[in-house]
Amino acid sequence: MFQKDKSNRGRGMKNKLISEHLISEEELIKFMEKDCKLLTSKGLAKVLNVSEGALRKQRSLNRSLFPFSRLGRRIYYPADLIVKTIHSNLQDSQLR
């Protein structure tokens, strides 16, 4: 019988964003005006460092933080709205 590798289990959605690594408000506006693009599920998963399955599960449970469009069988996420959503959901970290 084959066994699944459980060392990566549950690792996908634990990535935390650090505010210093995100773009500034001015860069965000410039990006939205100039470079609005669409990301596939694979592209967004790579950017967020999560699995495609995690994104699929969030969509199926209607819990996706990110707006998406379905064209045929393909899923597209507007990159400008992804950045805006991340900025609107930033939380300050606390020292222990």
PDB file of N, CA and C in Angstrom:
ATOM      1  N   MET A   1       0.836  -1.182   0.000  1.00  0.00           N
ATOM      2  CA  MET A   1       0.000   0.000   0.000  1.00  0.00           C
ATOM      3  C   MET A   1       0.877   1.240   0.000  1.00  0.00           C
ATOM      4  N   PHE A   2       0.358   2.296  -0.590  1.00  0.00           N
ATOM      5  CA  PHE A   2       1.149   3.525  -0.557  1.00  0.00           C
ATOM      6  C   PHE A   2       0.637   4.442   0.539  1.00  0.00           C
ATOM      7  N   GLN A   3       1.562   5.189   1.139  1.00  0.00           N
ATOM      8  CA  GLN A   3       1.224   6.084   2.234  1.00  0.00           C
ATOM      9  C   GLN A   3       1.436   7.524   1.798  1.00  0.00           C
ATOM     10  N   LYS A   4       0.563   8.404   2.248  1.00  0.00           N
ATOM     11  CA  LYS A   4       0.726   9.824   1.966  1.00  0.00           C
ATOM     12  C   LYS A   4       1.790  10.388   2.905  1.00  0.00           C
ATOM     13  N   ASP A   5       2.524  11.349   2.384  1.00  0.00           N
ATOM     14  CA  ASP A   5       3.513  12.039   3.197  1.00  0.00           C
ATOM     15  C   ASP A   5       2.785  13.044   4.081  1.00  0.00           C
ATOM     16  N   LYS A   6       2.797  12.832   5.384  1.00  0.00           N
ATOM     17  CA  LYS A   6       2.054  13.685   6.304  1.00  0.00           C
ATOM     18  C   LYS A   6       2.896  14.834   6.844  1.00  0.00           C
ATOM     19  N   SER A   7       4.146  14.956   6.404  1.00  0.00           N
ATOM     20  CA  SER A   7       4.994  16.020   6.921  1.00  0.00           C
ATOM     21  C   SER A   7       4.550  17.398   6.447  1.00  0.00           C
ATOM     22  N   ASN A   8       3.881  17.490   5.302  1.00  0.00           N
ATOM     23  CA  ASN A   8       3.411  18.777   4.788  1.00  0.00           C
ATOM     24  C   ASN A   8       1.949  19.040   5.128  1.00  0.00           C
ATOM     25  N   ARG A   9       1.343  18.165   5.865  1.00  0.00           N
ATOM     26  CA  ARG A   9      -0.084  18.243   6.157  1.00  0.00           C
ATOM     27  C   ARG A   9      -0.420  19.473   6.998  1.00  0.00           C
ATOM     28  N   GLY A  10      -1.446  20.236   6.558  1.00  0.00           N
ATOM     29  CA  GLY A  10      -1.914  21.380   7.315  1.00  0.00           C
ATOM     30  C   GLY A  10      -1.016  22.601   7.235  1.00  0.00           C
ATOM     31  N   ARG A  11       0.003  22.530   6.423  1.00  0.00           N
ATOM     32  CA  ARG A  11       0.990  23.589   6.352  1.00  0.00           C
ATOM     33  C   ARG A  11       0.521  24.735   5.474  1.00  0.00           C
ATOM     34  N   GLY A  12      -0.389  24.489   4.540  1.00  0.00           N
ATOM     35  CA  GLY A  12      -0.737  25.442   3.512  1.00  0.00           C
ATOM     36  C   GLY A  12      -1.283  26.775   3.942  1.00  0.00           C
ATOM     37  N   MET A  13      -2.191  26.834   4.880  1.00  0.00           N
ATOM     38  CA  MET A  13      -2.869  28.089   5.196  1.00  0.00           C
ATOM     39  C   MET A  13      -2.273  28.819   6.404  1.00  0.00           C
ATOM     40  N   LYS A  14      -1.117  28.401   6.901  1.00  0.00           N
ATOM     41  CA  LYS A  14      -0.556  29.030   8.089  1.00  0.00           C
ATOM     42  C   LYS A  14       0.379  30.193   7.775  1.00  0.00           C
ATOM     43  N   ASN A  15       0.524  30.549   6.520  1.00  0.00           N
ATOM     44  CA  ASN A  15       1.426  31.618   6.139  1.00  0.00           C
ATOM     45  C   ASN A  15       0.907  32.954   6.654  1.00  0.00           C
ATOM     46  N   LYS A  16       1.748  33.710   7.371  1.00  0.00           N
ATOM     47  CA  LYS A  16       1.344  35.012   7.891  1.00  0.00           C
ATOM     48  C   LYS A  16       2.068  36.093   7.100  1.00  0.00           C
ATOM     49  N   LEU A  17       1.356  37.162   6.805  1.00  0.00           N
ATOM     50  CA  LEU A  17       1.933  38.262   6.052  1.00  0.00           C
ATOM     51  C   LEU A  17       2.538  39.275   7.014  1.00  0.00           C
ATOM     52  N   ILE A  18       3.673  39.798   6.653  1.00  0.00           N
ATOM     53  CA  ILE A  18       4.342  40.799   7.459  1.00  0.00           C
ATOM     54  C   ILE A  18       4.219  42.128   6.734  1.00  0.00           C
ATOM     55  N   SER A  19       3.716  43.131   7.423  1.00  0.00           N
ATOM     56  CA  SER A  19       3.382  44.400   6.773  1.00  0.00           C
ATOM     57  C   SER A  19       4.578  45.081   6.109  1.00  0.00           C
ATOM     58  N   GLU A  20       5.792  44.895   6.600  1.00  0.00           N
ATOM     59  CA  GLU A  20       6.954  45.550   6.000  1.00  0.00           C
ATOM     60  C   GLU A  20       7.247  45.031   4.592  1.00  0.00           C
ATOM     61  N   HIS A  21       6.763  43.849   4.262  1.00  0.00           N
ATOM     62  CA  HIS A  21       7.061  43.238   2.973  1.00  0.00           C
ATOM     63  C   HIS A  21       6.005  43.546   1.911  1.00  0.00           C
ATOM     64  N   LEU A  22       4.988  44.310   2.249  1.00  0.00           N
ATOM     65  CA  LEU A  22       3.939  44.634   1.293  1.00  0.00           C
ATOM     66  C   LEU A  22       4.225  45.991   0.661  1.00  0.00           C
ATOM     67  N   ILE A  23       3.546  46.266  -0.435  1.00  0.00           N
ATOM     68  CA  ILE A  23       3.777  47.527  -1.135  1.00  0.00           C
ATOM     69  C   ILE A  23       3.061  48.675  -0.435  1.00  0.00           C
ATOM     70  N   SER A  24       3.539  49.883  -0.683  1.00  0.00           N
ATOM     71  CA  SER A  24       2.949  51.067  -0.056  1.00  0.00           C
ATOM     72  C   SER A  24       1.630  51.421  -0.746  1.00  0.00           C
ATOM     73  N   GLU A  25       0.918  52.361  -0.150  1.00  0.00           N
ATOM     74  CA  GLU A  25      -0.376  52.795  -0.684  1.00  0.00           C
ATOM     75  C   GLU A  25      -0.209  53.398  -2.087  1.00  0.00           C
ATOM     76  N   GLU A  26       0.860  54.186  -2.284  1.00  0.00           N
ATOM     77  CA  GLU A  26       1.110  54.801  -3.596  1.00  0.00           C
ATOM     78  C   GLU A  26       1.407  53.732  -4.651  1.00  0.00           C
ATOM     79  N   GLU A  27       2.217  52.746  -4.266  1.00  0.00           N
ATOM     80  CA  GLU A  27       2.539  51.662  -5.189  1.00  0.00           C
ATOM     81  C   GLU A  27       1.297  50.847  -5.524  1.00  0.00           C
ATOM     82  N   LEU A  28       0.413  50.679  -4.551  1.00  0.00           N
ATOM     83  CA  LEU A  28      -0.835  49.959  -4.773  1.00  0.00           C
ATOM     84  C   LEU A  28      -1.680  50.671  -5.822  1.00  0.00           C
ATOM     85  N   ILE A  29      -1.823  51.981  -5.696  1.00  0.00           N
ATOM     86  CA  ILE A  29      -2.616  52.758  -6.657  1.00  0.00           C
ATOM     87  C   ILE A  29      -1.989  52.686  -8.047  1.00  0.00           C
ATOM     88  N   LYS A  30      -0.660  52.830  -8.114  1.00  0.00           N
ATOM     89  CA  LYS A  30       0.045  52.733  -9.398  1.00  0.00           C
ATOM     90  C   LYS A  30      -0.175  51.363 -10.040  1.00  0.00           C
ATOM     91  N   PHE A  31      -0.059  50.318  -9.228  1.00  0.00           N
ATOM     92  CA  PHE A  31      -0.245  48.952  -9.712  1.00  0.00           C
ATOM     93  C   PHE A  31      -1.643  48.752 -10.276  1.00  0.00           C
ATOM     94  N   MET A  32      -2.658  49.241  -9.548  1.00  0.00           N
ATOM     95  CA  MET A  32      -4.038  49.048  -9.994  1.00  0.00           C
ATOM     96  C   MET A  32      -4.327  49.821 -11.273  1.00  0.00           C
ATOM     97  N   GLU A  33      -3.738  50.988 -11.434  1.00  0.00           N
ATOM     98  CA  GLU A  33      -3.980  51.780 -12.638  1.00  0.00           C
ATOM     99  C   GLU A  33      -3.251  51.212 -13.846  1.00  0.00           C
ATOM    100  N   LYS A  34      -2.069  50.648 -13.624  1.00  0.00           N
ATOM    101  CA  LYS A  34      -1.209  50.245 -14.741  1.00  0.00           C
ATOM    102  C   LYS A  34      -1.206  48.742 -15.022  1.00  0.00           C
ATOM    103  N   ASP A  35      -1.096  47.942 -14.005  1.00  0.00           N
ATOM    104  CA  ASP A  35      -0.787  46.519 -14.186  1.00  0.00           C
ATOM    105  C   ASP A  35      -1.883  45.564 -13.760  1.00  0.00           C
ATOM    106  N   CYS A  36      -3.152  45.904 -13.923  1.00  0.00           N
ATOM    107  CA  CYS A  36      -4.219  44.996 -13.498  1.00  0.00           C
ATOM    108  C   CYS A  36      -4.175  43.719 -14.324  1.00  0.00           C
ATOM    109  N   LYS A  37      -4.018  42.608 -13.644  1.00  0.00           N
ATOM    110  CA  LYS A  37      -3.895  41.313 -14.312  1.00  0.00           C
ATOM    111  C   LYS A  37      -4.759  40.292 -13.594  1.00  0.00           C
ATOM    112  N   LEU A  38      -4.925  39.151 -14.226  1.00  0.00           N
ATOM    113  CA  LEU A  38      -5.664  38.041 -13.630  1.00  0.00           C
ATOM    114  C   LEU A  38      -4.691  36.939 -13.229  1.00  0.00           C
ATOM    115  N   LEU A  39      -4.945  36.339 -12.080  1.00  0.00           N
ATOM    116  CA  LEU A  39      -4.157  35.198 -11.627  1.00  0.00           C
ATOM    117  C   LEU A  39      -5.031  33.951 -11.680  1.00  0.00           C
ATOM    118  N   THR A  40      -4.451  32.844 -12.058  1.00  0.00           N
ATOM    119  CA  THR A  40      -5.149  31.562 -11.982  1.00  0.00           C
ATOM    120  C   THR A  40      -5.035  31.050 -10.546  1.00  0.00           C
ATOM    121  N   SER A  41      -5.730  29.985 -10.242  1.00  0.00           N
ATOM    122  CA  SER A  41      -5.615  29.381  -8.911  1.00  0.00           C
ATOM    123  C   SER A  41      -4.179  28.968  -8.627  1.00  0.00           C
ATOM    124  N   LYS A  42      -3.528  28.438  -9.636  1.00  0.00           N
ATOM    125  CA  LYS A  42      -2.139  28.009  -9.472  1.00  0.00           C
ATOM    126  C   LYS A  42      -1.238  29.204  -9.164  1.00  0.00           C
ATOM    127  N   GLY A  43      -1.455  30.308  -9.886  1.00  0.00           N
ATOM    128  CA  GLY A  43      -0.648  31.507  -9.670  1.00  0.00           C
ATOM    129  C   GLY A  43      -0.872  32.109  -8.297  1.00  0.00           C
ATOM    130  N   LEU A  44      -2.131  32.174  -7.861  1.00  0.00           N
ATOM    131  CA  LEU A  44      -2.435  32.737  -6.545  1.00  0.00           C
ATOM    132  C   LEU A  44      -1.884  31.835  -5.441  1.00  0.00           C
ATOM    133  N   ALA A  45      -2.005  30.534  -5.621  1.00  0.00           N
ATOM    134  CA  ALA A  45      -1.472  29.603  -4.625  1.00  0.00           C
ATOM    135  C   ALA A  45       0.036  29.792  -4.464  1.00  0.00           C
ATOM    136  N   LYS A  46       0.716  30.012  -5.568  1.00  0.00           N
ATOM    137  CA  LYS A  46       2.160  30.224  -5.527  1.00  0.00           C
ATOM    138  C   LYS A  46       2.494  31.534  -4.813  1.00  0.00           C
ATOM    139  N   VAL A  47       1.745  32.595  -5.104  1.00  0.00           N
ATOM    140  CA  VAL A  47       1.975  33.900  -4.477  1.00  0.00           C
ATOM    141  C   VAL A  47       1.735  33.841  -2.978  1.00  0.00           C
ATOM    142  N   LEU A  48       0.666  33.175  -2.563  1.00  0.00           N
ATOM    143  CA  LEU A  48       0.289  33.118  -1.143  1.00  0.00           C
ATOM    144  C   LEU A  48       0.988  31.996  -0.381  1.00  0.00           C
ATOM    145  N   ASN A  49       1.704  31.149  -1.086  1.00  0.00           N
ATOM    146  CA  ASN A  49       2.397  30.013  -0.490  1.00  0.00           C
ATOM    147  C   ASN A  49       1.405  29.051   0.187  1.00  0.00           C
ATOM    148  N   VAL A  50       0.324  28.755  -0.523  1.00  0.00           N
ATOM    149  CA  VAL A  50      -0.666  27.782  -0.069  1.00  0.00           C
ATOM    150  C   VAL A  50      -0.895  26.785  -1.204  1.00  0.00           C
ATOM    151  N   SER A  51      -1.622  25.729  -0.929  1.00  0.00           N
ATOM    152  CA  SER A  51      -1.894  24.749  -1.984  1.00  0.00           C
ATOM    153  C   SER A  51      -3.129  25.164  -2.787  1.00  0.00           C
ATOM    154  N   GLU A  52      -3.197  24.667  -4.007  1.00  0.00           N
ATOM    155  CA  GLU A  52      -4.379  24.913  -4.835  1.00  0.00           C
ATOM    156  C   GLU A  52      -5.613  24.292  -4.181  1.00  0.00           C
ATOM    157  N   GLY A  53      -5.424  23.172  -3.518  1.00  0.00           N
ATOM    158  CA  GLY A  53      -6.526  22.504  -2.827  1.00  0.00           C
ATOM    159  C   GLY A  53      -7.111  23.361  -1.716  1.00  0.00           C
ATOM    160  N   ALA A  54      -6.255  24.114  -1.022  1.00  0.00           N
ATOM    161  CA  ALA A  54      -6.738  25.001   0.044  1.00  0.00           C
ATOM    162  C   ALA A  54      -7.631  26.094  -0.542  1.00  0.00           C
ATOM    163  N   LEU A  55      -7.222  26.660  -1.681  1.00  0.00           N
ATOM    164  CA  LEU A  55      -8.047  27.672  -2.344  1.00  0.00           C
ATOM    165  C   LEU A  55      -9.360  27.072  -2.833  1.00  0.00           C
ATOM    166  N   ARG A  56      -9.287  25.861  -3.390  1.00  0.00           N
ATOM    167  CA  ARG A  56     -10.485  25.178  -3.894  1.00  0.00           C
ATOM    168  C   ARG A  56     -11.472  24.913  -2.760  1.00  0.00           C
ATOM    169  N   LYS A  57     -10.939  24.476  -1.616  1.00  0.00           N
ATOM    170  CA  LYS A  57     -11.805  24.188  -0.470  1.00  0.00           C
ATOM    171  C   LYS A  57     -12.468  25.468   0.031  1.00  0.00           C
ATOM    172  N   GLN A  58     -11.716  26.573   0.091  1.00  0.00           N
ATOM    173  CA  GLN A  58     -12.298  27.838   0.523  1.00  0.00           C
ATOM    174  C   GLN A  58     -13.414  28.279  -0.416  1.00  0.00           C
ATOM    175  N   ARG A  59     -13.188  28.114  -1.724  1.00  0.00           N
ATOM    176  CA  ARG A  59     -14.233  28.488  -2.691  1.00  0.00           C
ATOM    177  C   ARG A  59     -15.468  27.620  -2.519  1.00  0.00           C
ATOM    178  N   SER A  60     -15.269  26.319  -2.337  1.00  0.00           N
ATOM    179  CA  SER A  60     -16.413  25.401  -2.244  1.00  0.00           C
ATOM    180  C   SER A  60     -17.229  25.633  -0.975  1.00  0.00           C
ATOM    181  N   LEU A  61     -16.601  26.126   0.073  1.00  0.00           N
ATOM    182  CA  LEU A  61     -17.300  26.408   1.331  1.00  0.00           C
ATOM    183  C   LEU A  61     -17.779  27.858   1.409  1.00  0.00           C
ATOM    184  N   ASN A  62     -17.636  28.594   0.312  1.00  0.00           N
ATOM    185  CA  ASN A  62     -17.990  30.019   0.254  1.00  0.00           C
ATOM    186  C   ASN A  62     -17.281  30.825   1.337  1.00  0.00           C
ATOM    187  N   ARG A  63     -16.023  30.490   1.588  1.00  0.00           N
ATOM    188  CA  ARG A  63     -15.227  31.191   2.602  1.00  0.00           C
ATOM    189  C   ARG A  63     -14.004  31.870   2.005  1.00  0.00           C
ATOM    190  N   SER A  64     -13.961  32.017   0.711  1.00  0.00           N
ATOM    191  CA  SER A  64     -12.807  32.618   0.066  1.00  0.00           C
ATOM    192  C   SER A  64     -12.717  34.103   0.411  1.00  0.00           C
ATOM    193  N   LEU A  65     -11.546  34.533   0.867  1.00  0.00           N
ATOM    194  CA  LEU A  65     -11.310  35.951   1.134  1.00  0.00           C
ATOM    195  C   LEU A  65     -11.220  36.742  -0.157  1.00  0.00           C
ATOM    196  N   PHE A  66     -10.837  36.066  -1.218  1.00  0.00           N
ATOM    197  CA  PHE A  66     -10.530  36.740  -2.468  1.00  0.00           C
ATOM    198  C   PHE A  66     -11.646  36.573  -3.492  1.00  0.00           C
ATOM    199  N   PRO A  67     -12.041  37.664  -4.151  1.00  0.00           N
ATOM    200  CA  PRO A  67     -13.053  37.566  -5.205  1.00  0.00           C
ATOM    201  C   PRO A  67     -12.487  36.802  -6.407  1.00  0.00           C
ATOM    202  N   PHE A  68     -13.329  36.030  -7.063  1.00  0.00           N
ATOM    203  CA  PHE A  68     -12.868  35.251  -8.214  1.00  0.00           C
ATOM    204  C   PHE A  68     -13.963  35.177  -9.260  1.00  0.00           C
ATOM    205  N   SER A  69     -13.544  34.833 -10.469  1.00  0.00           N
ATOM    206  CA  SER A  69     -14.475  34.622 -11.583  1.00  0.00           C
ATOM    207  C   SER A  69     -14.252  33.233 -12.131  1.00  0.00           C
ATOM    208  N   ARG A  70     -15.323  32.613 -12.548  1.00  0.00           N
ATOM    209  CA  ARG A  70     -15.243  31.297 -13.167  1.00  0.00           C
ATOM    210  C   ARG A  70     -15.604  31.464 -14.640  1.00  0.00           C
ATOM    211  N   LEU A  71     -14.660  31.148 -15.505  1.00  0.00           N
ATOM    212  CA  LEU A  71     -14.889  31.181 -16.946  1.00  0.00           C
ATOM    213  C   LEU A  71     -14.724  29.761 -17.458  1.00  0.00           C
ATOM    214  N   GLY A  72     -15.837  29.114 -17.728  1.00  0.00           N
ATOM    215  CA  GLY A  72     -15.786  27.696 -18.067  1.00  0.00           C
ATOM    216  C   GLY A  72     -15.383  26.934 -16.818  1.00  0.00           C
ATOM    217  N   ARG A  73     -14.296  26.185 -16.923  1.00  0.00           N
ATOM    218  CA  ARG A  73     -13.807  25.432 -15.772  1.00  0.00           C
ATOM    219  C   ARG A  73     -12.616  26.112 -15.104  1.00  0.00           C
ATOM    220  N   ARG A  74     -12.202  27.243 -15.645  1.00  0.00           N
ATOM    221  CA  ARG A  74     -11.041  27.959 -15.106  1.00  0.00           C
ATOM    222  C   ARG A  74     -11.479  28.994 -14.073  1.00  0.00           C
ATOM    223  N   ILE A  75     -10.651  29.192 -13.062  1.00  0.00           N
ATOM    224  CA  ILE A  75     -10.899  30.184 -12.015  1.00  0.00           C
ATOM    225  C   ILE A  75      -9.856  31.280 -12.170  1.00  0.00           C
ATOM    226  N   TYR A  76     -10.312  32.535 -12.126  1.00  0.00           N
ATOM    227  CA  TYR A  76      -9.407  33.679 -12.226  1.00  0.00           C
ATOM    228  C   TYR A  76      -9.630  34.619 -11.048  1.00  0.00           C
ATOM    229  N   TYR A  77      -8.527  35.117 -10.523  1.00  0.00           N
ATOM    230  CA  TYR A  77      -8.556  36.085  -9.441  1.00  0.00           C
ATOM    231  C   TYR A  77      -7.959  37.392  -9.963  1.00  0.00           C
ATOM    232  N   PRO A  78      -8.656  38.531  -9.825  1.00  0.00           N
ATOM    233  CA  PRO A  78      -8.088  39.807 -10.245  1.00  0.00           C
ATOM    234  C   PRO A  78      -6.959  40.207  -9.284  1.00  0.00           C
ATOM    235  N   ALA A  79      -5.762  40.397  -9.823  1.00  0.00           N
ATOM    236  CA  ALA A  79      -4.587  40.680  -8.997  1.00  0.00           C
ATOM    237  C   ALA A  79      -4.747  41.964  -8.191  1.00  0.00           C
ATOM    238  N   ASP A  80      -5.369  42.981  -8.770  1.00  0.00           N
ATOM    239  CA  ASP A  80      -5.527  44.242  -8.038  1.00  0.00           C
ATOM    240  C   ASP A  80      -6.405  44.064  -6.806  1.00  0.00           C
ATOM    241  N   LEU A  81      -7.447  43.242  -6.909  1.00  0.00           N
ATOM    242  CA  LEU A  81      -8.322  43.007  -5.764  1.00  0.00           C
ATOM    243  C   LEU A  81      -7.665  42.107  -4.709  1.00  0.00           C
ATOM    244  N   ILE A  82      -6.755  41.240  -5.152  1.00  0.00           N
ATOM    245  CA  ILE A  82      -6.012  40.402  -4.210  1.00  0.00           C
ATOM    246  C   ILE A  82      -5.159  41.294  -3.316  1.00  0.00           C
ATOM    247  N   VAL A  83      -4.436  42.226  -3.928  1.00  0.00           N
ATOM    248  CA  VAL A  83      -3.578  43.135  -3.170  1.00  0.00           C
ATOM    249  C   VAL A  83      -4.415  43.998  -2.232  1.00  0.00           C
ATOM    250  N   LYS A  84      -5.531  44.499  -2.733  1.00  0.00           N
ATOM    251  CA  LYS A  84      -6.422  45.337  -1.919  1.00  0.00           C
ATOM    252  C   LYS A  84      -6.972  44.539  -0.726  1.00  0.00           C
ATOM    253  N   THR A  85      -7.366  43.292  -0.949  1.00  0.00           N
ATOM    254  CA  THR A  85      -7.894  42.442   0.121  1.00  0.00           C
ATOM    255  C   THR A  85      -6.826  42.178   1.179  1.00  0.00           C
ATOM    256  N   ILE A  86      -5.610  41.909   0.733  1.00  0.00           N
ATOM    257  CA  ILE A  86      -4.516  41.664   1.678  1.00  0.00           C
ATOM    258  C   ILE A  86      -4.276  42.910   2.518  1.00  0.00           C
ATOM    259  N   HIS A  87      -4.247  44.074   1.885  1.00  0.00           N
ATOM    260  CA  HIS A  87      -4.035  45.318   2.623  1.00  0.00           C
ATOM    261  C   HIS A  87      -5.165  45.582   3.617  1.00  0.00           C
ATOM    262  N   SER A  88      -6.386  45.273   3.259  1.00  0.00           N
ATOM    263  CA  SER A  88      -7.513  45.548   4.147  1.00  0.00           C
ATOM    264  C   SER A  88      -7.587  44.557   5.313  1.00  0.00           C
ATOM    265  N   ASN A  89      -6.899  43.421   5.203  1.00  0.00           N
ATOM    266  CA  ASN A  89      -6.927  42.408   6.264  1.00  0.00           C
ATOM    267  C   ASN A  89      -5.641  42.324   7.062  1.00  0.00           C
ATOM    268  N   LEU A  90      -4.777  43.319   6.941  1.00  0.00           N
ATOM    269  CA  LEU A  90      -3.526  43.318   7.712  1.00  0.00           C
ATOM    270  C   LEU A  90      -3.834  43.480   9.192  1.00  0.00           C
ATOM    271  N   GLN A  91      -3.080  42.791   9.993  1.00  0.00           N
ATOM    272  CA  GLN A  91      -3.216  42.916  11.440  1.00  0.00           C
ATOM    273  C   GLN A  91      -1.835  43.181  12.014  1.00  0.00           C
ATOM    274  N   ASP A  92      -1.777  44.010  13.033  1.00  0.00           N
ATOM    275  CA  ASP A  92      -0.499  44.278  13.688  1.00  0.00           C
ATOM    276  C   ASP A  92      -0.051  43.062  14.479  1.00  0.00           C
ATOM    277  N   SER A  93       1.242  42.810  14.421  1.00  0.00           N
ATOM    278  CA  SER A  93       1.759  41.692  15.211  1.00  0.00           C
ATOM    279  C   SER A  93       2.025  42.176  16.640  1.00  0.00           C
ATOM    280  N   GLN A  94       1.989  41.257  17.575  1.00  0.00           N
ATOM    281  CA  GLN A  94       2.222  41.596  18.970  1.00  0.00           C
ATOM    282  C   GLN A  94       3.462  40.888  19.448  1.00  0.00           C
ATOM    283  N   LEU A  95       4.260  41.604  20.210  1.00  0.00           N
ATOM    284  CA  LEU A  95       5.449  40.983  20.795  1.00  0.00           C
ATOM    285  C   LEU A  95       5.043  40.140  21.989  1.00  0.00           C
ATOM    286  N   ARG A  96       5.747  39.063  22.173  1.00  0.00           N
ATOM    287  CA  ARG A  96       5.446  38.186  23.326  1.00  0.00           C
ATOM    288  C   ARG A  96       6.411  38.461  24.430  1.00  0.00           C
TER     289      ARG A  96
END
